[in-house]
Amino acid sequence: MKLMLTLRHLFKLALRQLTGFVDSLFGLLGKILPVPEFSRLSKRMNTSLSSLNLPSLKEASHLVIDSSSLKVFGEKEWLETKYGKKYQRKVWRKLHIGIDGQGFIVAREMTTHLTDDRSCIPSLLTQAKAENAHDLLADGGYDSHAVYHCLKEKNIKPVIPPPKHAAISSVTSTLRDHTVEYIKKKGYWAWYTKTDYGRRNRVENTFYRLKTIFGMKIISRKWDN
């Protein structure tokens, strides 16, 4: 089952095409083996997906998180919404992932397009076994006091760029205040070099690999699949 579903994603096949493809492979190999019909594959697909396990942080490392959109209907909902154009359907999924220093995915969560990225941080940290993470890198969309507070409780240093208009907002100096003050004094690129923020680019490469292999559009519209 898992092998057939892997072939389906690699070759972008519909379920009927997949059964015919596998049946022809068995014929070329001279094997007489039963091939599950497409309806059985559709019903049991979620069982195979739920059994997939990801590695976790087994040693001290940094964690990089980000999210990306995956299309469900049509090809232009995200761009149309971004640029304020009219659209018939406003449906896409958001894939949130966390990767370790080597680029391996250690946490993932799929949500609707209405979910705020910052609300997924606790779940991603739990999956990745955050006790082994010393830094968390993310883009400016994750900048919030709630995120800083959550990471402080877990003894994780946030490496998140504040927005350009960010101001020191606390009487008691916080790590975010130090970041804002440092960028105002020495500039963004000085902070970028000091914190080695370029490590975050690895998550962009991870999304590129995922979308190159599996495509930018979800094959199944049913949530569990």
C-alpha atoms as a PDB file:
ATOM      1  CA  MET A   1       0.000   0.000   0.000  1.00  0.00           C
ATOM      2  CA  LYS A   2       2.733   2.478   0.997  1.00  0.00           C
ATOM      3  CA  LEU A   3       4.762   1.645  -2.107  1.00  0.00           C
ATOM      4  CA  MET A   4       1.779   2.230  -4.370  1.00  0.00           C
ATOM      5  CA  LEU A   5       0.993   5.558  -2.712  1.00  0.00           C
ATOM      6  CA  THR A   6       4.643   6.573  -3.070  1.00  0.00           C
ATOM      7  CA  LEU A   7       4.534   5.757  -6.784  1.00  0.00           C
ATOM      8  CA  ARG A   8       1.310   7.731  -7.081  1.00  0.00           C
ATOM      9  CA  HIS A   9       2.926  10.907  -5.736  1.00  0.00           C
ATOM     10  CA  LEU A  10       6.183  10.508  -7.621  1.00  0.00           C
ATOM     11  CA  PHE A  11       4.488  10.025 -11.001  1.00  0.00           C
ATOM     12  CA  LYS A  12       1.388  12.216 -10.288  1.00  0.00           C
ATOM     13  CA  LEU A  13      -1.068   9.411 -11.081  1.00  0.00           C
ATOM     14  CA  ALA A  14      -4.778   9.136 -10.460  1.00  0.00           C
ATOM     15  CA  LEU A  15      -5.829   6.041  -8.515  1.00  0.00           C
ATOM     16  CA  ARG A  16      -7.169   4.225 -11.594  1.00  0.00           C
ATOM     17  CA  GLN A  17      -3.949   5.018 -13.457  1.00  0.00           C
ATOM     18  CA  LEU A  18      -1.959   3.788 -10.467  1.00  0.00           C
ATOM     19  CA  THR A  19      -3.622   0.371 -10.383  1.00  0.00           C
ATOM     20  CA  GLY A  20      -3.038  -0.070 -14.108  1.00  0.00           C
ATOM     21  CA  PHE A  21       0.578   1.049 -13.772  1.00  0.00           C
ATOM     22  CA  VAL A  22       1.340  -1.421 -10.971  1.00  0.00           C
ATOM     23  CA  ASP A  23      -0.505  -4.217 -12.781  1.00  0.00           C
ATOM     24  CA  SER A  24       1.611  -3.607 -15.894  1.00  0.00           C
ATOM     25  CA  LEU A  25       4.796  -3.668 -13.773  1.00  0.00           C
ATOM     26  CA  PHE A  26       3.832  -7.079 -12.372  1.00  0.00           C
ATOM     27  CA  GLY A  27       3.197  -8.269 -15.930  1.00  0.00           C
ATOM     28  CA  LEU A  28       6.633  -7.121 -17.087  1.00  0.00           C
ATOM     29  CA  LEU A  29       8.197  -8.910 -14.114  1.00  0.00           C
ATOM     30  CA  GLY A  30       6.270 -12.080 -14.866  1.00  0.00           C
ATOM     31  CA  LYS A  31       4.486 -11.977 -11.515  1.00  0.00           C
ATOM     32  CA  ILE A  32       0.850 -12.819 -10.974  1.00  0.00           C
ATOM     33  CA  LEU A  33      -0.110 -10.772  -7.923  1.00  0.00           C
ATOM     34  CA  PRO A  34      -3.401  -9.115  -6.958  1.00  0.00           C
ATOM     35  CA  VAL A  35      -3.492  -5.316  -7.234  1.00  0.00           C
ATOM     36  CA  PRO A  36      -5.840  -3.403  -4.909  1.00  0.00           C
ATOM     37  CA  GLU A  37      -8.604  -1.596  -6.756  1.00  0.00           C
ATOM     38  CA  PHE A  38      -8.732   2.202  -6.679  1.00  0.00           C
ATOM     39  CA  SER A  39     -11.658   2.391  -4.231  1.00  0.00           C
ATOM     40  CA  ARG A  40      -9.774   0.276  -1.675  1.00  0.00           C
ATOM     41  CA  LEU A  41      -6.706   2.504  -2.055  1.00  0.00           C
ATOM     42  CA  SER A  42      -8.836   5.592  -1.469  1.00  0.00           C
ATOM     43  CA  LYS A  43     -10.405   4.162   1.692  1.00  0.00           C
ATOM     44  CA  ARG A  44      -7.153   2.909   3.200  1.00  0.00           C
ATOM     45  CA  MET A  45      -4.913   5.787   2.218  1.00  0.00           C
ATOM     46  CA  ASN A  46      -5.288   7.585   5.553  1.00  0.00           C
ATOM     47  CA  THR A  47      -4.149   4.441   7.430  1.00  0.00           C
ATOM     48  CA  SER A  48      -0.811   4.473   5.635  1.00  0.00           C
ATOM     49  CA  LEU A  49      -0.348   8.195   6.170  1.00  0.00           C
ATOM     50  CA  SER A  50      -1.074   7.983   9.907  1.00  0.00           C
ATOM     51  CA  SER A  51       1.677   5.391  10.352  1.00  0.00           C
ATOM     52  CA  LEU A  52       4.416   7.676   9.042  1.00  0.00           C
ATOM     53  CA  ASN A  53       6.891   8.665  11.755  1.00  0.00           C
ATOM     54  CA  LEU A  54       9.357  11.534  11.713  1.00  0.00           C
ATOM     55  CA  PRO A  55      12.742  11.690  13.441  1.00  0.00           C
ATOM     56  CA  SER A  56      13.069  13.969  16.470  1.00  0.00           C
ATOM     57  CA  LEU A  57      15.847  16.087  17.900  1.00  0.00           C
ATOM     58  CA  LYS A  58      18.060  13.530  19.612  1.00  0.00           C
ATOM     59  CA  GLU A  59      20.905  15.945  20.320  1.00  0.00           C
ATOM     60  CA  ALA A  60      21.318  19.678  20.864  1.00  0.00           C
ATOM     61  CA  SER A  61      20.456  21.555  17.690  1.00  0.00           C
ATOM     62  CA  HIS A  62      18.563  24.535  16.418  1.00  0.00           C
ATOM     63  CA  LEU A  63      15.017  24.305  15.055  1.00  0.00           C
ATOM     64  CA  VAL A  64      13.718  26.185  12.018  1.00  0.00           C
ATOM     65  CA  ILE A  65       9.967  26.539  11.432  1.00  0.00           C
ATOM     66  CA  ASP A  66       7.933  27.908   8.570  1.00  0.00           C
ATOM     67  CA  SER A  67       4.717  27.302   6.637  1.00  0.00           C
ATOM     68  CA  SER A  68       3.680  27.141   3.003  1.00  0.00           C
ATOM     69  CA  SER A  69       0.413  26.954   1.120  1.00  0.00           C
ATOM     70  CA  LEU A  70      -0.808  23.947  -0.865  1.00  0.00           C
ATOM     71  CA  LYS A  71      -3.588  24.313  -3.394  1.00  0.00           C
ATOM     72  CA  VAL A  72      -6.791  22.302  -3.131  1.00  0.00           C
ATOM     73  CA  PHE A  73      -9.001  23.706  -5.915  1.00  0.00           C
ATOM     74  CA  GLY A  74      -7.752  25.357  -9.073  1.00  0.00           C
ATOM     75  CA  GLU A  75      -4.345  26.989  -9.350  1.00  0.00           C
ATOM     76  CA  LYS A  76      -4.647  30.643  -8.417  1.00  0.00           C
ATOM     77  CA  GLU A  77      -6.539  31.013  -5.118  1.00  0.00           C
ATOM     78  CA  TRP A  78      -3.493  32.037  -3.120  1.00  0.00           C
ATOM     79  CA  LEU A  79      -2.234  34.582  -5.664  1.00  0.00           C
ATOM     80  CA  GLU A  80      -5.733  35.961  -6.240  1.00  0.00           C
ATOM     81  CA  THR A  81      -6.236  36.417  -2.514  1.00  0.00           C
ATOM     82  CA  LYS A  82      -2.785  37.961  -2.100  1.00  0.00           C
ATOM     83  CA  TYR A  83      -3.404  40.592  -4.758  1.00  0.00           C
ATOM     84  CA  GLY A  84      -7.042  41.278  -3.860  1.00  0.00           C
ATOM     85  CA  LYS A  85      -8.627  39.783  -6.961  1.00  0.00           C
ATOM     86  CA  LYS A  86     -11.999  38.087  -7.040  1.00  0.00           C
ATOM     87  CA  TYR A  87     -12.132  34.316  -6.749  1.00  0.00           C
ATOM     88  CA  GLN A  88     -14.777  31.610  -6.695  1.00  0.00           C
ATOM     89  CA  ARG A  89     -13.185  29.384  -4.072  1.00  0.00           C
ATOM     90  CA  LYS A  90     -10.946  30.381  -1.207  1.00  0.00           C
ATOM     91  CA  VAL A  91      -9.616  27.022  -0.087  1.00  0.00           C
ATOM     92  CA  TRP A  92      -6.063  25.887   0.442  1.00  0.00           C
ATOM     93  CA  ARG A  93      -4.104  24.051   3.093  1.00  0.00           C
ATOM     94  CA  LYS A  94      -1.136  25.299   5.082  1.00  0.00           C
ATOM     95  CA  LEU A  95       1.710  22.933   5.801  1.00  0.00           C
ATOM     96  CA  HIS A  96       3.724  23.888   8.895  1.00  0.00           C
ATOM     97  CA  ILE A  97       7.059  22.142   9.365  1.00  0.00           C
ATOM     98  CA  GLY A  98      10.044  22.234  11.694  1.00  0.00           C
ATOM     99  CA  ILE A  99      13.503  21.096  10.566  1.00  0.00           C
ATOM    100  CA  ASP A 100      16.712  20.431  12.439  1.00  0.00           C
ATOM    101  CA  GLY A 101      20.212  21.661  11.680  1.00  0.00           C
ATOM    102  CA  GLN A 102      20.731  19.009   9.009  1.00  0.00           C
ATOM    103  CA  GLY A 103      17.526  19.824   7.165  1.00  0.00           C
ATOM    104  CA  PHE A 104      15.490  16.805   8.297  1.00  0.00           C
ATOM    105  CA  ILE A 105      11.805  17.390   8.995  1.00  0.00           C
ATOM    106  CA  VAL A 106      11.191  16.721  12.695  1.00  0.00           C
ATOM    107  CA  ALA A 107       7.686  18.189  13.058  1.00  0.00           C
ATOM    108  CA  ARG A 108       4.765  18.844  10.768  1.00  0.00           C
ATOM    109  CA  GLU A 109       1.150  19.949  10.926  1.00  0.00           C
ATOM    110  CA  MET A 110      -1.437  20.654   8.262  1.00  0.00           C
ATOM    111  CA  THR A 111      -4.135  23.257   8.874  1.00  0.00           C
ATOM    112  CA  THR A 112      -6.670  25.287   6.946  1.00  0.00           C
ATOM    113  CA  HIS A 113      -5.708  28.611   5.387  1.00  0.00           C
ATOM    114  CA  LEU A 114      -7.438  30.429   8.265  1.00  0.00           C
ATOM    115  CA  THR A 115      -4.997  29.175  10.914  1.00  0.00           C
ATOM    116  CA  ASP A 116      -2.443  31.614  12.302  1.00  0.00           C
ATOM    117  CA  ASP A 117       1.124  30.320  11.913  1.00  0.00           C
ATOM    118  CA  ARG A 118       2.042  31.316  15.464  1.00  0.00           C
ATOM    119  CA  SER A 119      -0.643  29.101  16.983  1.00  0.00           C
ATOM    120  CA  CYS A 120       1.133  25.991  15.642  1.00  0.00           C
ATOM    121  CA  ILE A 121       4.404  26.596  17.500  1.00  0.00           C
ATOM    122  CA  PRO A 122       3.490  24.599  20.667  1.00  0.00           C
ATOM    123  CA  SER A 123       2.494  21.566  18.599  1.00  0.00           C
ATOM    124  CA  LEU A 124       5.662  21.717  16.475  1.00  0.00           C
ATOM    125  CA  LEU A 125       7.857  22.052  19.566  1.00  0.00           C
ATOM    126  CA  THR A 126       6.206  19.042  21.198  1.00  0.00           C
ATOM    127  CA  GLN A 127       6.663  16.866  18.114  1.00  0.00           C
ATOM    128  CA  ALA A 128      10.307  17.866  17.723  1.00  0.00           C
ATOM    129  CA  LYS A 129      11.134  17.222  21.408  1.00  0.00           C
ATOM    130  CA  ALA A 130      12.052  20.836  22.022  1.00  0.00           C
ATOM    131  CA  GLU A 131      14.103  20.078  25.126  1.00  0.00           C
ATOM    132  CA  ASN A 132      17.013  19.450  22.737  1.00  0.00           C
ATOM    133  CA  ALA A 133      16.550  22.739  20.838  1.00  0.00           C
ATOM    134  CA  HIS A 134      18.628  25.739  21.871  1.00  0.00           C
ATOM    135  CA  ASP A 135      17.578  28.196  19.114  1.00  0.00           C
ATOM    136  CA  LEU A 136      14.375  28.630  17.140  1.00  0.00           C
ATOM    137  CA  LEU A 137      14.609  30.455  13.826  1.00  0.00           C
ATOM    138  CA  ALA A 138      11.559  31.815  12.033  1.00  0.00           C
ATOM    139  CA  ASP A 139      10.575  34.719   9.802  1.00  0.00           C
ATOM    140  CA  GLY A 140       8.985  37.965  10.927  1.00  0.00           C
ATOM    141  CA  GLY A 141       5.490  36.485  10.757  1.00  0.00           C
ATOM    142  CA  TYR A 142       6.190  34.670  14.027  1.00  0.00           C
ATOM    143  CA  ASP A 143       7.162  37.822  15.922  1.00  0.00           C
ATOM    144  CA  SER A 144       4.843  38.194  18.900  1.00  0.00           C
ATOM    145  CA  HIS A 145       5.081  38.463  22.680  1.00  0.00           C
ATOM    146  CA  ALA A 146       3.173  35.175  23.026  1.00  0.00           C
ATOM    147  CA  VAL A 147       5.793  33.342  20.963  1.00  0.00           C
ATOM    148  CA  TYR A 148       8.654  34.834  22.982  1.00  0.00           C
ATOM    149  CA  HIS A 149       6.906  33.853  26.215  1.00  0.00           C
ATOM    150  CA  CYS A 150       6.305  30.292  24.984  1.00  0.00           C
ATOM    151  CA  LEU A 151       9.961  29.872  24.002  1.00  0.00           C
ATOM    152  CA  LYS A 152      11.193  31.378  27.253  1.00  0.00           C
ATOM    153  CA  GLU A 153       9.299  28.727  29.215  1.00  0.00           C
ATOM    154  CA  LYS A 154      11.126  26.036  27.241  1.00  0.00           C
ATOM    155  CA  ASN A 155      14.551  27.725  27.496  1.00  0.00           C
ATOM    156  CA  ILE A 156      14.751  28.212  23.727  1.00  0.00           C
ATOM    157  CA  LYS A 157      16.326  31.348  22.292  1.00  0.00           C
ATOM    158  CA  PRO A 158      14.123  32.951  19.598  1.00  0.00           C
ATOM    159  CA  VAL A 159      15.917  34.201  16.485  1.00  0.00           C
ATOM    160  CA  ILE A 160      13.091  36.132  14.849  1.00  0.00           C
ATOM    161  CA  PRO A 161      13.457  39.477  13.050  1.00  0.00           C
ATOM    162  CA  PRO A 162      11.020  42.136  14.343  1.00  0.00           C
ATOM    163  CA  PRO A 163       9.163  44.380  11.860  1.00  0.00           C
ATOM    164  CA  LYS A 164      10.714  47.668  10.787  1.00  0.00           C
ATOM    165  CA  HIS A 165       8.298  49.705  12.920  1.00  0.00           C
ATOM    166  CA  ALA A 166       8.935  47.603  16.047  1.00  0.00           C
ATOM    167  CA  ALA A 167       9.459  49.574  19.252  1.00  0.00           C
ATOM    168  CA  ILE A 168      10.728  48.707  22.707  1.00  0.00           C
ATOM    169  CA  SER A 169       7.490  47.970  24.511  1.00  0.00           C
ATOM    170  CA  SER A 170       8.509  46.855  27.971  1.00  0.00           C
ATOM    171  CA  VAL A 171       9.812  48.672  31.020  1.00  0.00           C
ATOM    172  CA  THR A 172      11.634  45.465  31.933  1.00  0.00           C
ATOM    173  CA  SER A 173      14.089  44.795  29.143  1.00  0.00           C
ATOM    174  CA  THR A 174      13.280  41.587  27.254  1.00  0.00           C
ATOM    175  CA  LEU A 175      15.124  39.616  24.596  1.00  0.00           C
ATOM    176  CA  ARG A 176      12.863  41.058  21.925  1.00  0.00           C
ATOM    177  CA  ASP A 177      13.648  44.569  23.163  1.00  0.00           C
ATOM    178  CA  HIS A 178      17.366  43.797  22.911  1.00  0.00           C
ATOM    179  CA  THR A 179      16.855  42.618  19.336  1.00  0.00           C
ATOM    180  CA  VAL A 180      14.921  45.745  18.367  1.00  0.00           C
ATOM    181  CA  GLU A 181      17.509  48.000  19.986  1.00  0.00           C
ATOM    182  CA  TYR A 182      20.441  46.163  18.390  1.00  0.00           C
ATOM    183  CA  ILE A 183      18.940  46.391  14.877  1.00  0.00           C
ATOM    184  CA  LYS A 184      18.196  50.107  15.311  1.00  0.00           C
ATOM    185  CA  LYS A 185      21.765  50.803  16.389  1.00  0.00           C
ATOM    186  CA  LYS A 186      23.761  48.551  14.075  1.00  0.00           C
ATOM    187  CA  GLY A 187      21.350  47.563  11.337  1.00  0.00           C
ATOM    188  CA  TYR A 188      19.557  44.439  10.221  1.00  0.00           C
ATOM    189  CA  TRP A 189      22.532  42.826   8.500  1.00  0.00           C
ATOM    190  CA  ALA A 190      24.691  43.169  11.589  1.00  0.00           C
ATOM    191  CA  TRP A 191      22.005  41.267  13.533  1.00  0.00           C
ATOM    192  CA  TYR A 192      21.723  38.771  10.638  1.00  0.00           C
ATOM    193  CA  THR A 193      25.443  37.985  10.851  1.00  0.00           C
ATOM    194  CA  LYS A 194      25.586  37.945  14.644  1.00  0.00           C
ATOM    195  CA  THR A 195      22.733  35.430  14.996  1.00  0.00           C
ATOM    196  CA  ASP A 196      23.694  33.393  11.902  1.00  0.00           C
ATOM    197  CA  TYR A 197      20.145  33.929  10.643  1.00  0.00           C
ATOM    198  CA  GLY A 198      21.106  32.448   7.281  1.00  0.00           C
ATOM    199  CA  ARG A 199      20.421  29.042   8.835  1.00  0.00           C
ATOM    200  CA  ARG A 200      16.732  29.741   8.248  1.00  0.00           C
ATOM    201  CA  ASN A 201      17.211  29.443   4.482  1.00  0.00           C
ATOM    202  CA  ARG A 202      17.392  25.679   4.886  1.00  0.00           C
ATOM    203  CA  VAL A 203      13.634  25.496   5.494  1.00  0.00           C
ATOM    204  CA  GLU A 204      13.026  27.245   2.164  1.00  0.00           C
ATOM    205  CA  ASN A 205      15.119  24.562   0.485  1.00  0.00           C
ATOM    206  CA  THR A 206      13.056  21.906   2.264  1.00  0.00           C
ATOM    207  CA  PHE A 207       9.791  23.320   0.913  1.00  0.00           C
ATOM    208  CA  TYR A 208      11.372  23.507  -2.550  1.00  0.00           C
ATOM    209  CA  ARG A 209      12.243  19.806  -2.401  1.00  0.00           C
ATOM    210  CA  LEU A 210       8.768  18.875  -1.134  1.00  0.00           C
ATOM    211  CA  LYS A 211       6.994  20.793  -3.888  1.00  0.00           C
ATOM    212  CA  THR A 212       9.396  19.523  -6.543  1.00  0.00           C
ATOM    213  CA  ILE A 213       8.624  15.920  -5.610  1.00  0.00           C
ATOM    214  CA  PHE A 214       4.954  16.106  -4.639  1.00  0.00           C
ATOM    215  CA  GLY A 215       3.849  19.212  -6.522  1.00  0.00           C
ATOM    216  CA  MET A 216       2.202  22.421  -5.345  1.00  0.00           C
ATOM    217  CA  LYS A 217      -1.313  21.016  -5.416  1.00  0.00           C
ATOM    218  CA  ILE A 218      -2.848  18.420  -3.086  1.00  0.00           C
ATOM    219  CA  ILE A 219      -3.904  15.318  -5.021  1.00  0.00           C
ATOM    220  CA  SER A 220      -6.582  14.277  -2.504  1.00  0.00           C
ATOM    221  CA  ARG A 221      -9.310  16.670  -1.427  1.00  0.00           C
ATOM    222  CA  LYS A 222     -10.445  14.528   1.508  1.00  0.00           C
ATOM    223  CA  TRP A 223      -8.723  15.816   4.675  1.00  0.00           C
ATOM    224  CA  ASP A 224      -7.616  12.432   6.068  1.00  0.00           C
ATOM    225  CA  ASN A 225      -5.993  11.480   2.772  1.00  0.00           C
END
